[in-house]
Amino acid sequence: MIRLPWAASACGGREHTSERPRIEHQFPQRFFNWIEMAGIQAGAETALAVSRDDDGVVAVTFNRPAKKNALTLAMWRALTNVFAALEQDNAARVVILRGAGTDFCAGADISEFGVVRRDAGTARDYEAANSAAFAAIRNSRLPTIAAISGTCFGGGFGIAAACDIRLATADARFSVPAARLGLAYPAEAMTDIVAATGPQMAKYLLFSAARLDAGDVLRAGFLLEVVEDAEALWQRCNATARDIAANAPLTIRASKAAIVATFSRDIGDIERARALGDATFDSADYAEGRTAFAERRRPRFKGI
C-alpha cells in the first residue's frame, strides 16, 4: 500500500516542516506531483491522511481522534483539494472515507467558530468551504464509501450523506445538532442529507437535533448495512471497494451520472449521462469485457 502522509494528527503527529513529506514506500514521481497538485501541506492544521493501494482503493482518513475527528476550516479546504487531485489520478478506482480511532467525524470544530464563523460574513465564507467539500465528494467520478463508527454528527453526517454508499458499526450515533447551536445550514449543505434520508427524516433531524442509532438510520435508508464492530466495518468496506475497483471504471462513471440524472431531471445531467454511456461502447474496456467473457476469465479493465 502507498501511504501519502500529507498531514499529521493534531495529537502526536509529525511536526510541520517546509520539506516534502516523507513517503513510506518508493513509487513514481507522479505521486509527488499528485501531492503538490492537491496543495496540501504537512502539519497538524490539515490532519488528513490519504493512501492508495495497488488495486486503486483510496482511503481518506480524518486524523484527529482526540477531537473525534472534528474538521477545522483548513481540513474542509484540504478535503476539497484531495478530491480535485483524485479526479486527475487515473489509477484511483474508489474512495473510502473513515475516521481515525473510534469515531467517524464529529463535524466542524466548534472551538474555532469564534474566529472563522463568528458572524454572517465569516459564516458565508465558512459555508462556502464546507459546501465545496460536500460537492467535491458528491460530484466525484469515483464511487465513495463512508465507513462510519462512533460519532457521525453535523458536518460529519453531511460528508457521509455526500458519499455513494454508507456502512456503519452497531454503536454508531448520528445527529445534525444545528438547532442546539443556533446556526443554520445553507441549502447546498442540505442537498445530500435530504437525498440520503428523505425530506421527513431530514426535517426531524434538523428540527429536533435528536441523536439516532444505527438501526434508526438504517431503517430510514441512510445506511446500506450495519456491522458488529470496527474490524468488521473495515473488512466489509474494503471488500466492497475491491469489488467495485475490479469493475469497468467507465461503466461505473456512466452509471453514477445516470443515477444523478434520474433524480435531478436536469437536461444537462441527462445529456452528460447519455454521453458517458455512449462512450462505454467505443471503449477498450468494452472490448476487453466481451473478450474475457468469451475466454471465461476475469476482465482486466483499464478505464479506457
C-alpha atoms as a PDB file:
ATOM      1  CA  MET A   1       0.000   0.000   0.000  1.00  0.00           C
ATOM      2  CA  ILE A   2       1.158   3.502  -0.825  1.00  0.00           C
ATOM      3  CA  ARG A   3       0.675   5.964   2.019  1.00  0.00           C
ATOM      4  CA  LEU A   4       0.658   9.689   1.479  1.00  0.00           C
ATOM      5  CA  PRO A   5       1.238  11.285   4.910  1.00  0.00           C
ATOM      6  CA  TRP A   6       0.247  14.812   3.921  1.00  0.00           C
ATOM      7  CA  ALA A   7      -0.967  15.690   7.342  1.00  0.00           C
ATOM      8  CA  ALA A   8      -0.163  14.639  10.838  1.00  0.00           C
ATOM      9  CA  SER A   9      -2.552  14.041  13.662  1.00  0.00           C
ATOM     10  CA  ALA A  10      -3.255  17.043  15.835  1.00  0.00           C
ATOM     11  CA  CYS A  11      -2.027  14.916  18.716  1.00  0.00           C
ATOM     12  CA  GLY A  12       1.306  13.190  18.361  1.00  0.00           C
ATOM     13  CA  GLY A  13       1.719  13.768  14.621  1.00  0.00           C
ATOM     14  CA  ARG A  14       4.773  14.862  12.677  1.00  0.00           C
ATOM     15  CA  GLU A  15       5.944  18.397  13.257  1.00  0.00           C
ATOM     16  CA  HIS A  16       5.326  20.911  10.473  1.00  0.00           C
ATOM     17  CA  THR A  17       8.179  21.164   8.018  1.00  0.00           C
ATOM     18  CA  SER A  18       8.780  23.007   4.787  1.00  0.00           C
ATOM     19  CA  GLU A  19      10.332  19.856   3.339  1.00  0.00           C
ATOM     20  CA  ARG A  20       8.374  17.413   1.204  1.00  0.00           C
ATOM     21  CA  PRO A  21       6.582  14.861   3.439  1.00  0.00           C
ATOM     22  CA  ARG A  22       8.464  11.602   3.884  1.00  0.00           C
ATOM     23  CA  ILE A  23       6.954   8.809   1.785  1.00  0.00           C
ATOM     24  CA  GLU A  24       6.986   5.362   3.324  1.00  0.00           C
ATOM     25  CA  HIS A  25       7.458   3.445   0.068  1.00  0.00           C
ATOM     26  CA  GLN A  26       9.136   4.099  -3.251  1.00  0.00           C
ATOM     27  CA  PHE A  27       6.865   4.994  -6.130  1.00  0.00           C
ATOM     28  CA  PRO A  28       6.903   7.124  -9.291  1.00  0.00           C
ATOM     29  CA  GLN A  29       7.489  10.857  -9.384  1.00  0.00           C
ATOM     30  CA  ARG A  30       3.881  11.425 -10.467  1.00  0.00           C
ATOM     31  CA  PHE A  31       2.759  10.720  -6.894  1.00  0.00           C
ATOM     32  CA  PHE A  32       4.863  13.626  -5.644  1.00  0.00           C
ATOM     33  CA  ASN A  33       3.224  15.737  -8.351  1.00  0.00           C
ATOM     34  CA  TRP A  34      -0.162  14.488  -7.082  1.00  0.00           C
ATOM     35  CA  ILE A  35       0.679  15.716  -3.589  1.00  0.00           C
ATOM     36  CA  GLU A  36       1.735  19.126  -4.902  1.00  0.00           C
ATOM     37  CA  MET A  37      -1.368  19.372  -7.116  1.00  0.00           C
ATOM     38  CA  ALA A  38      -3.581  18.830  -4.087  1.00  0.00           C
ATOM     39  CA  GLY A  39      -1.945  21.838  -2.443  1.00  0.00           C
ATOM     40  CA  ILE A  40      -1.771  20.188   0.964  1.00  0.00           C
ATOM     41  CA  GLN A  41       0.964  20.931   3.489  1.00  0.00           C
ATOM     42  CA  ALA A  42       2.317  18.507   6.061  1.00  0.00           C
ATOM     43  CA  GLY A  43       1.240  19.613   9.514  1.00  0.00           C
ATOM     44  CA  ALA A  44      -1.393  19.424  12.194  1.00  0.00           C
ATOM     45  CA  GLU A  45      -3.576  22.092  10.607  1.00  0.00           C
ATOM     46  CA  THR A  46      -4.945  19.701   7.966  1.00  0.00           C
ATOM     47  CA  ALA A  47      -4.934  16.352   9.802  1.00  0.00           C
ATOM     48  CA  LEU A  48      -5.922  14.296   6.772  1.00  0.00           C
ATOM     49  CA  ALA A  49      -4.216  11.034   5.851  1.00  0.00           C
ATOM     50  CA  VAL A  50      -4.564   9.647   2.328  1.00  0.00           C
ATOM     51  CA  SER A  51      -3.404   6.326   0.891  1.00  0.00           C
ATOM     52  CA  ARG A  52      -3.931   4.331  -2.284  1.00  0.00           C
ATOM     53  CA  ASP A  53      -3.168   0.640  -2.742  1.00  0.00           C
ATOM     54  CA  ASP A  54      -2.270  -1.282  -5.886  1.00  0.00           C
ATOM     55  CA  ASP A  55      -5.933  -2.079  -6.594  1.00  0.00           C
ATOM     56  CA  GLY A  56      -6.830   1.604  -6.784  1.00  0.00           C
ATOM     57  CA  VAL A  57      -8.617   1.703  -3.416  1.00  0.00           C
ATOM     58  CA  VAL A  58      -8.069   5.132  -1.850  1.00  0.00           C
ATOM     59  CA  ALA A  59      -8.543   5.681   1.884  1.00  0.00           C
ATOM     60  CA  VAL A  60      -9.124   9.227   3.149  1.00  0.00           C
ATOM     61  CA  THR A  61      -8.839   9.306   6.940  1.00  0.00           C
ATOM     62  CA  PHE A  62      -9.876  12.150   9.231  1.00  0.00           C
ATOM     63  CA  ASN A  63      -6.980  12.048  11.651  1.00  0.00           C
ATOM     64  CA  ARG A  64      -7.858  13.969  14.831  1.00  0.00           C
ATOM     65  CA  PRO A  65      -9.040  11.146  17.102  1.00  0.00           C
ATOM     66  CA  ALA A  66      -8.650  13.190  20.303  1.00  0.00           C
ATOM     67  CA  LYS A  67     -11.193  15.649  18.846  1.00  0.00           C
ATOM     68  CA  LYS A  68     -13.475  12.908  17.486  1.00  0.00           C
ATOM     69  CA  ASN A  69     -12.086  13.844  14.067  1.00  0.00           C
ATOM     70  CA  ALA A  70     -13.778  17.252  14.052  1.00  0.00           C
ATOM     71  CA  LEU A  71     -12.820  19.191  10.936  1.00  0.00           C
ATOM     72  CA  THR A  72     -11.091  22.553  11.030  1.00  0.00           C
ATOM     73  CA  LEU A  73     -11.591  25.076   8.245  1.00  0.00           C
ATOM     74  CA  ALA A  74      -8.203  24.059   6.851  1.00  0.00           C
ATOM     75  CA  MET A  75      -9.354  20.427   6.749  1.00  0.00           C
ATOM     76  CA  TRP A  76     -12.536  21.314   4.838  1.00  0.00           C
ATOM     77  CA  ARG A  77     -10.413  23.066   2.242  1.00  0.00           C
ATOM     78  CA  ALA A  78      -7.893  20.242   2.131  1.00  0.00           C
ATOM     79  CA  LEU A  79     -10.666  17.691   1.593  1.00  0.00           C
ATOM     80  CA  THR A  80     -11.823  19.591  -1.496  1.00  0.00           C
ATOM     81  CA  ASN A  81      -8.238  19.637  -2.775  1.00  0.00           C
ATOM     82  CA  VAL A  82      -7.858  15.898  -2.220  1.00  0.00           C
ATOM     83  CA  PHE A  83     -10.858  15.142  -4.403  1.00  0.00           C
ATOM     84  CA  ALA A  84      -9.705  17.617  -7.048  1.00  0.00           C
ATOM     85  CA  ALA A  85      -6.407  15.741  -7.222  1.00  0.00           C
ATOM     86  CA  LEU A  86      -8.145  12.353  -7.319  1.00  0.00           C
ATOM     87  CA  GLU A  87     -10.025  13.461 -10.430  1.00  0.00           C
ATOM     88  CA  GLN A  88      -6.642  13.531 -12.174  1.00  0.00           C
ATOM     89  CA  ASP A  89      -5.378  10.196 -10.819  1.00  0.00           C
ATOM     90  CA  ASN A  90      -6.277   7.507 -13.350  1.00  0.00           C
ATOM     91  CA  ALA A  91      -5.075   4.753 -11.028  1.00  0.00           C
ATOM     92  CA  ALA A  92      -7.709   5.605  -8.397  1.00  0.00           C
ATOM     93  CA  ARG A  93     -10.876   3.498  -8.653  1.00  0.00           C
ATOM     94  CA  VAL A  94     -12.851   4.005  -5.413  1.00  0.00           C
ATOM     95  CA  VAL A  95     -12.578   6.073  -2.215  1.00  0.00           C
ATOM     96  CA  ILE A  96     -13.278   5.045   1.378  1.00  0.00           C
ATOM     97  CA  LEU A  97     -13.743   7.875   3.878  1.00  0.00           C
ATOM     98  CA  ARG A  98     -13.188   6.954   7.525  1.00  0.00           C
ATOM     99  CA  GLY A  99     -12.139   8.365  10.878  1.00  0.00           C
ATOM    100  CA  ALA A 100      -9.061   7.531  12.898  1.00  0.00           C
ATOM    101  CA  GLY A 101      -9.736   5.895  16.250  1.00  0.00           C
ATOM    102  CA  THR A 102     -13.287   5.131  17.343  1.00  0.00           C
ATOM    103  CA  ASP A 103     -15.218   7.941  15.613  1.00  0.00           C
ATOM    104  CA  PHE A 104     -16.061   8.829  12.024  1.00  0.00           C
ATOM    105  CA  CYS A 105     -16.369  12.606  12.355  1.00  0.00           C
ATOM    106  CA  ALA A 106     -17.954  14.917  14.924  1.00  0.00           C
ATOM    107  CA  GLY A 107     -18.491  17.574  12.258  1.00  0.00           C
ATOM    108  CA  ALA A 108     -16.975  21.031  12.275  1.00  0.00           C
ATOM    109  CA  ASP A 109     -14.535  22.025  15.004  1.00  0.00           C
ATOM    110  CA  ILE A 110     -16.736  24.376  17.057  1.00  0.00           C
ATOM    111  CA  SER A 111     -13.746  25.640  19.060  1.00  0.00           C
ATOM    112  CA  GLU A 112     -12.651  27.809  16.121  1.00  0.00           C
ATOM    113  CA  PHE A 113     -16.123  29.264  15.394  1.00  0.00           C
ATOM    114  CA  GLY A 114     -15.368  32.375  17.452  1.00  0.00           C
ATOM    115  CA  VAL A 115     -12.907  33.343  14.721  1.00  0.00           C
ATOM    116  CA  VAL A 116     -13.830  31.601  11.459  1.00  0.00           C
ATOM    117  CA  ARG A 117     -17.641  31.561  11.851  1.00  0.00           C
ATOM    118  CA  ARG A 118     -18.252  34.475  14.187  1.00  0.00           C
ATOM    119  CA  ASP A 119     -20.820  36.416  12.118  1.00  0.00           C
ATOM    120  CA  ALA A 120     -22.816  36.304   8.874  1.00  0.00           C
ATOM    121  CA  GLY A 121     -19.862  37.345   6.719  1.00  0.00           C
ATOM    122  CA  THR A 122     -17.382  34.799   8.063  1.00  0.00           C
ATOM    123  CA  ALA A 123     -20.159  32.193   8.167  1.00  0.00           C
ATOM    124  CA  ARG A 124     -20.724  32.607   4.414  1.00  0.00           C
ATOM    125  CA  ASP A 125     -17.015  32.042   3.768  1.00  0.00           C
ATOM    126  CA  TYR A 126     -17.002  29.019   6.067  1.00  0.00           C
ATOM    127  CA  GLU A 127     -20.128  27.554   4.472  1.00  0.00           C
ATOM    128  CA  ALA A 128     -18.599  28.020   1.027  1.00  0.00           C
ATOM    129  CA  ALA A 129     -15.655  25.887   2.158  1.00  0.00           C
ATOM    130  CA  ASN A 130     -17.673  23.016   3.595  1.00  0.00           C
ATOM    131  CA  SER A 131     -20.240  23.149   0.770  1.00  0.00           C
ATOM    132  CA  ALA A 132     -17.335  22.838  -1.679  1.00  0.00           C
ATOM    133  CA  ALA A 133     -16.125  19.750   0.194  1.00  0.00           C
ATOM    134  CA  PHE A 134     -19.584  18.149   0.076  1.00  0.00           C
ATOM    135  CA  ALA A 135     -19.829  18.919  -3.651  1.00  0.00           C
ATOM    136  CA  ALA A 136     -16.369  17.504  -4.336  1.00  0.00           C
ATOM    137  CA  ILE A 137     -17.400  14.197  -2.776  1.00  0.00           C
ATOM    138  CA  ARG A 138     -20.864  14.185  -4.360  1.00  0.00           C
ATOM    139  CA  ASN A 139     -19.611  15.035  -7.858  1.00  0.00           C
ATOM    140  CA  SER A 140     -16.517  12.841  -7.857  1.00  0.00           C
ATOM    141  CA  ARG A 141     -16.214  10.477 -10.807  1.00  0.00           C
ATOM    142  CA  LEU A 142     -15.124   7.855  -8.263  1.00  0.00           C
ATOM    143  CA  PRO A 143     -17.533   5.810  -6.142  1.00  0.00           C
ATOM    144  CA  THR A 144     -17.294   6.852  -2.497  1.00  0.00           C
ATOM    145  CA  ILE A 145     -17.895   4.734   0.607  1.00  0.00           C
ATOM    146  CA  ALA A 146     -18.370   6.116   4.130  1.00  0.00           C
ATOM    147  CA  ALA A 147     -17.078   3.755   6.840  1.00  0.00           C
ATOM    148  CA  ILE A 148     -18.908   5.084   9.900  1.00  0.00           C
ATOM    149  CA  SER A 149     -18.215   4.217  13.529  1.00  0.00           C
ATOM    150  CA  GLY A 150     -18.886   6.070  16.757  1.00  0.00           C
ATOM    151  CA  THR A 151     -19.803   9.724  16.288  1.00  0.00           C
ATOM    152  CA  CYS A 152     -21.255  10.939  12.975  1.00  0.00           C
ATOM    153  CA  PHE A 153     -22.576  14.408  13.731  1.00  0.00           C
ATOM    154  CA  GLY A 154     -23.201  17.650  11.866  1.00  0.00           C
ATOM    155  CA  GLY A 155     -20.723  18.123   9.061  1.00  0.00           C
ATOM    156  CA  GLY A 156     -19.640  14.506   9.507  1.00  0.00           C
ATOM    157  CA  PHE A 157     -23.210  13.468   8.775  1.00  0.00           C
ATOM    158  CA  GLY A 158     -23.097  15.742   5.727  1.00  0.00           C
ATOM    159  CA  ILE A 159     -19.895  14.113   4.482  1.00  0.00           C
ATOM    160  CA  ALA A 160     -21.412  10.657   4.883  1.00  0.00           C
ATOM    161  CA  ALA A 161     -24.571  11.809   3.107  1.00  0.00           C
ATOM    162  CA  ALA A 162     -22.490  13.027   0.156  1.00  0.00           C
ATOM    163  CA  CYS A 163     -20.992   9.543  -0.262  1.00  0.00           C
ATOM    164  CA  ASP A 164     -22.499   6.966  -2.607  1.00  0.00           C
ATOM    165  CA  ILE A 165     -22.531   4.089  -0.113  1.00  0.00           C
ATOM    166  CA  ARG A 166     -22.656   4.171   3.686  1.00  0.00           C
ATOM    167  CA  LEU A 167     -21.937   1.387   6.175  1.00  0.00           C
ATOM    168  CA  ALA A 168     -21.720   1.674   9.936  1.00  0.00           C
ATOM    169  CA  THR A 169     -20.975  -0.173  13.139  1.00  0.00           C
ATOM    170  CA  ALA A 170     -23.810  -1.040  15.507  1.00  0.00           C
ATOM    171  CA  ASP A 171     -22.549   1.526  18.039  1.00  0.00           C
ATOM    172  CA  ALA A 172     -22.551   4.465  15.592  1.00  0.00           C
ATOM    173  CA  ARG A 173     -24.577   7.523  16.551  1.00  0.00           C
ATOM    174  CA  PHE A 174     -25.974  10.146  14.192  1.00  0.00           C
ATOM    175  CA  SER A 175     -27.122  13.739  14.697  1.00  0.00           C
ATOM    176  CA  VAL A 176     -27.408  17.112  12.972  1.00  0.00           C
ATOM    177  CA  PRO A 177     -27.356  19.450  16.006  1.00  0.00           C
ATOM    178  CA  ALA A 178     -27.558  22.840  14.262  1.00  0.00           C
ATOM    179  CA  ALA A 179     -30.668  23.818  16.240  1.00  0.00           C
ATOM    180  CA  ARG A 180     -28.748  23.404  19.509  1.00  0.00           C
ATOM    181  CA  LEU A 181     -26.028  25.754  18.288  1.00  0.00           C
ATOM    182  CA  GLY A 182     -28.330  28.432  16.919  1.00  0.00           C
ATOM    183  CA  LEU A 183     -26.958  28.304  13.385  1.00  0.00           C
ATOM    184  CA  ALA A 184     -28.446  27.258  10.048  1.00  0.00           C
ATOM    185  CA  TYR A 185     -27.079  25.096   7.272  1.00  0.00           C
ATOM    186  CA  PRO A 186     -27.179  26.534   3.733  1.00  0.00           C
ATOM    187  CA  ALA A 187     -29.326  24.853   1.099  1.00  0.00           C
ATOM    188  CA  GLU A 188     -26.222  23.441  -0.613  1.00  0.00           C
ATOM    189  CA  ALA A 189     -25.278  21.574   2.548  1.00  0.00           C
ATOM    190  CA  MET A 190     -28.784  20.128   2.882  1.00  0.00           C
ATOM    191  CA  THR A 191     -28.916  18.634  -0.632  1.00  0.00           C
ATOM    192  CA  ASP A 192     -27.213  15.375   0.289  1.00  0.00           C
ATOM    193  CA  ILE A 193     -28.979  14.958   3.647  1.00  0.00           C
ATOM    194  CA  VAL A 194     -32.411  15.246   2.041  1.00  0.00           C
ATOM    195  CA  ALA A 195     -31.411  12.890  -0.789  1.00  0.00           C
ATOM    196  CA  ALA A 196     -29.965  10.318   1.624  1.00  0.00           C
ATOM    197  CA  THR A 197     -32.678  10.338   4.302  1.00  0.00           C
ATOM    198  CA  GLY A 198     -35.794  11.714   2.607  1.00  0.00           C
ATOM    199  CA  PRO A 199     -37.486  15.050   3.408  1.00  0.00           C
ATOM    200  CA  GLN A 200     -39.317  13.913   6.539  1.00  0.00           C
ATOM    201  CA  MET A 201     -36.284  12.403   8.257  1.00  0.00           C
ATOM    202  CA  ALA A 202     -34.169  15.397   7.228  1.00  0.00           C
ATOM    203  CA  LYS A 203     -36.719  17.713   8.852  1.00  0.00           C
ATOM    204  CA  TYR A 204     -36.802  15.600  12.005  1.00  0.00           C
ATOM    205  CA  LEU A 205     -33.009  15.573  12.265  1.00  0.00           C
ATOM    206  CA  LEU A 206     -32.746  19.346  11.780  1.00  0.00           C
ATOM    207  CA  PHE A 207     -35.753  20.363  13.870  1.00  0.00           C
ATOM    208  CA  SER A 208     -35.141  18.055  16.834  1.00  0.00           C
ATOM    209  CA  ALA A 209     -31.322  17.742  16.849  1.00  0.00           C
ATOM    210  CA  ALA A 210     -32.045  14.179  18.014  1.00  0.00           C
ATOM    211  CA  ARG A 211     -29.354  11.543  18.309  1.00  0.00           C
ATOM    212  CA  LEU A 212     -30.229   8.431  16.349  1.00  0.00           C
ATOM    213  CA  ASP A 213     -28.646   5.000  16.482  1.00  0.00           C
ATOM    214  CA  ALA A 214     -27.514   2.902  13.540  1.00  0.00           C
ATOM    215  CA  GLY A 215     -30.772   0.967  13.436  1.00  0.00           C
ATOM    216  CA  ASP A 216     -32.778   4.189  13.143  1.00  0.00           C
ATOM    217  CA  VAL A 217     -30.882   5.480  10.135  1.00  0.00           C
ATOM    218  CA  LEU A 218     -30.691   2.017   8.567  1.00  0.00           C
ATOM    219  CA  ARG A 219     -34.494   1.906   8.564  1.00  0.00           C
ATOM    220  CA  ALA A 220     -34.554   5.404   7.065  1.00  0.00           C
ATOM    221  CA  GLY A 221     -32.450   4.144   4.158  1.00  0.00           C
ATOM    222  CA  PHE A 222     -29.376   6.183   5.090  1.00  0.00           C
ATOM    223  CA  LEU A 223     -27.219   3.084   5.588  1.00  0.00           C
ATOM    224  CA  LEU A 224     -26.659   0.128   3.298  1.00  0.00           C
ATOM    225  CA  GLU A 225     -25.630  -2.142   6.150  1.00  0.00           C
ATOM    226  CA  VAL A 226     -24.813  -2.267   9.873  1.00  0.00           C
ATOM    227  CA  VAL A 227     -21.965  -4.495  11.064  1.00  0.00           C
ATOM    228  CA  GLU A 228     -20.851  -5.574  14.518  1.00  0.00           C
ATOM    229  CA  ASP A 229     -17.656  -3.628  15.138  1.00  0.00           C
ATOM    230  CA  ALA A 230     -14.845  -1.559  13.639  1.00  0.00           C
ATOM    231  CA  GLU A 231     -12.901  -4.581  12.389  1.00  0.00           C
ATOM    232  CA  ALA A 232     -15.940  -5.968  10.593  1.00  0.00           C
ATOM    233  CA  LEU A 233     -16.672  -2.498   9.210  1.00  0.00           C
ATOM    234  CA  TRP A 234     -13.257  -2.138   7.621  1.00  0.00           C
ATOM    235  CA  GLN A 235     -13.350  -5.660   6.223  1.00  0.00           C
ATOM    236  CA  ARG A 236     -16.776  -5.100   4.696  1.00  0.00           C
ATOM    237  CA  CYS A 237     -15.939  -1.679   3.267  1.00  0.00           C
ATOM    238  CA  ASN A 238     -12.629  -2.926   1.929  1.00  0.00           C
ATOM    239  CA  ALA A 239     -14.262  -5.942   0.266  1.00  0.00           C
ATOM    240  CA  THR A 240     -16.941  -3.729  -1.265  1.00  0.00           C
ATOM    241  CA  ALA A 241     -14.317  -1.299  -2.533  1.00  0.00           C
ATOM    242  CA  ARG A 242     -12.294  -4.084  -4.142  1.00  0.00           C
ATOM    243  CA  ASP A 243     -15.379  -5.472  -5.865  1.00  0.00           C
ATOM    244  CA  ILE A 244     -16.010  -2.014  -7.304  1.00  0.00           C
ATOM    245  CA  ALA A 245     -12.360  -1.439  -8.213  1.00  0.00           C
ATOM    246  CA  ALA A 246     -12.306  -4.653 -10.255  1.00  0.00           C
ATOM    247  CA  ASN A 247     -15.156  -3.463 -12.481  1.00  0.00           C
ATOM    248  CA  ALA A 248     -15.079  -1.182 -15.528  1.00  0.00           C
ATOM    249  CA  PRO A 249     -14.405   2.423 -14.420  1.00  0.00           C
ATOM    250  CA  LEU A 250     -16.141   4.000 -17.408  1.00  0.00           C
ATOM    251  CA  THR A 251     -19.273   1.939 -16.762  1.00  0.00           C
ATOM    252  CA  ILE A 252     -19.298   2.980 -13.106  1.00  0.00           C
ATOM    253  CA  ARG A 253     -18.847   6.631 -14.020  1.00  0.00           C
ATOM    254  CA  ALA A 254     -21.688   6.449 -16.560  1.00  0.00           C
ATOM    255  CA  SER A 255     -23.916   4.629 -14.065  1.00  0.00           C
ATOM    256  CA  LYS A 256     -23.276   7.226 -11.365  1.00  0.00           C
ATOM    257  CA  ALA A 257     -24.152  10.009 -13.814  1.00  0.00           C
ATOM    258  CA  ALA A 258     -27.325   8.209 -14.895  1.00  0.00           C
ATOM    259  CA  ILE A 259     -28.489   7.825 -11.285  1.00  0.00           C
ATOM    260  CA  VAL A 260     -27.892  11.540 -10.672  1.00  0.00           C
ATOM    261  CA  ALA A 261     -29.836  12.419 -13.826  1.00  0.00           C
ATOM    262  CA  THR A 262     -32.720  10.152 -12.812  1.00  0.00           C
ATOM    263  CA  PHE A 263     -33.308  12.228  -9.701  1.00  0.00           C
ATOM    264  CA  SER A 264     -32.354  15.690 -10.922  1.00  0.00           C
ATOM    265  CA  ARG A 265     -34.166  15.503 -14.292  1.00  0.00           C
ATOM    266  CA  ASP A 266     -31.844  18.318 -15.329  1.00  0.00           C
ATOM    267  CA  ILE A 267     -31.305  18.346 -19.092  1.00  0.00           C
ATOM    268  CA  GLY A 268     -27.582  18.903 -18.652  1.00  0.00           C
ATOM    269  CA  ASP A 269     -27.293  15.905 -16.331  1.00  0.00           C
ATOM    270  CA  ILE A 270     -29.305  13.756 -18.741  1.00  0.00           C
ATOM    271  CA  GLU A 271     -27.123  14.717 -21.701  1.00  0.00           C
ATOM    272  CA  ARG A 272     -23.940  14.115 -19.713  1.00  0.00           C
ATOM    273  CA  ALA A 273     -25.152  10.677 -18.616  1.00  0.00           C
ATOM    274  CA  ARG A 274     -26.060   9.804 -22.212  1.00  0.00           C
ATOM    275  CA  ALA A 275     -22.630  10.881 -23.485  1.00  0.00           C
ATOM    276  CA  LEU A 276     -20.816   8.879 -20.811  1.00  0.00           C
ATOM    277  CA  GLY A 277     -22.987   5.840 -21.555  1.00  0.00           C
ATOM    278  CA  ASP A 278     -22.347   6.107 -25.295  1.00  0.00           C
ATOM    279  CA  ALA A 279     -18.602   6.329 -24.665  1.00  0.00           C
ATOM    280  CA  THR A 280     -18.540   2.925 -22.971  1.00  0.00           C
ATOM    281  CA  PHE A 281     -19.471   1.212 -26.238  1.00  0.00           C
ATOM    282  CA  ASP A 282     -16.428   2.689 -28.003  1.00  0.00           C
ATOM    283  CA  SER A 283     -14.051   1.873 -25.154  1.00  0.00           C
ATOM    284  CA  ALA A 284     -11.235  -0.653 -24.996  1.00  0.00           C
ATOM    285  CA  ASP A 285     -12.779  -1.884 -21.744  1.00  0.00           C
ATOM    286  CA  TYR A 286     -15.964  -2.918 -23.550  1.00  0.00           C
ATOM    287  CA  ALA A 287     -13.869  -4.966 -25.981  1.00  0.00           C
ATOM    288  CA  GLU A 288     -11.956  -6.446 -23.051  1.00  0.00           C
ATOM    289  CA  GLY A 289     -15.187  -7.344 -21.256  1.00  0.00           C
ATOM    290  CA  ARG A 290     -16.511  -9.218 -24.305  1.00  0.00           C
ATOM    291  CA  THR A 291     -13.194 -10.987 -24.858  1.00  0.00           C
ATOM    292  CA  ALA A 292     -12.903 -12.005 -21.211  1.00  0.00           C
ATOM    293  CA  PHE A 293     -16.444 -13.369 -21.270  1.00  0.00           C
ATOM    294  CA  ALA A 294     -15.679 -15.452 -24.373  1.00  0.00           C
ATOM    295  CA  GLU A 295     -12.422 -16.710 -22.853  1.00  0.00           C
ATOM    296  CA  ARG A 296     -14.060 -17.403 -19.470  1.00  0.00           C
ATOM    297  CA  ARG A 297     -11.601 -15.317 -17.484  1.00  0.00           C
ATOM    298  CA  ARG A 298     -11.746 -12.234 -15.304  1.00  0.00           C
ATOM    299  CA  PRO A 299     -11.575  -8.998 -17.316  1.00  0.00           C
ATOM    300  CA  ARG A 300      -8.682  -6.597 -16.818  1.00  0.00           C
ATOM    301  CA  PHE A 301     -10.183  -3.140 -17.137  1.00  0.00           C
ATOM    302  CA  LYS A 302      -8.011  -0.050 -17.626  1.00  0.00           C
ATOM    303  CA  GLY A 303     -10.575   2.726 -17.745  1.00  0.00           C
ATOM    304  CA  ILE A 304     -10.044   3.467 -21.430  1.00  0.00           C
END
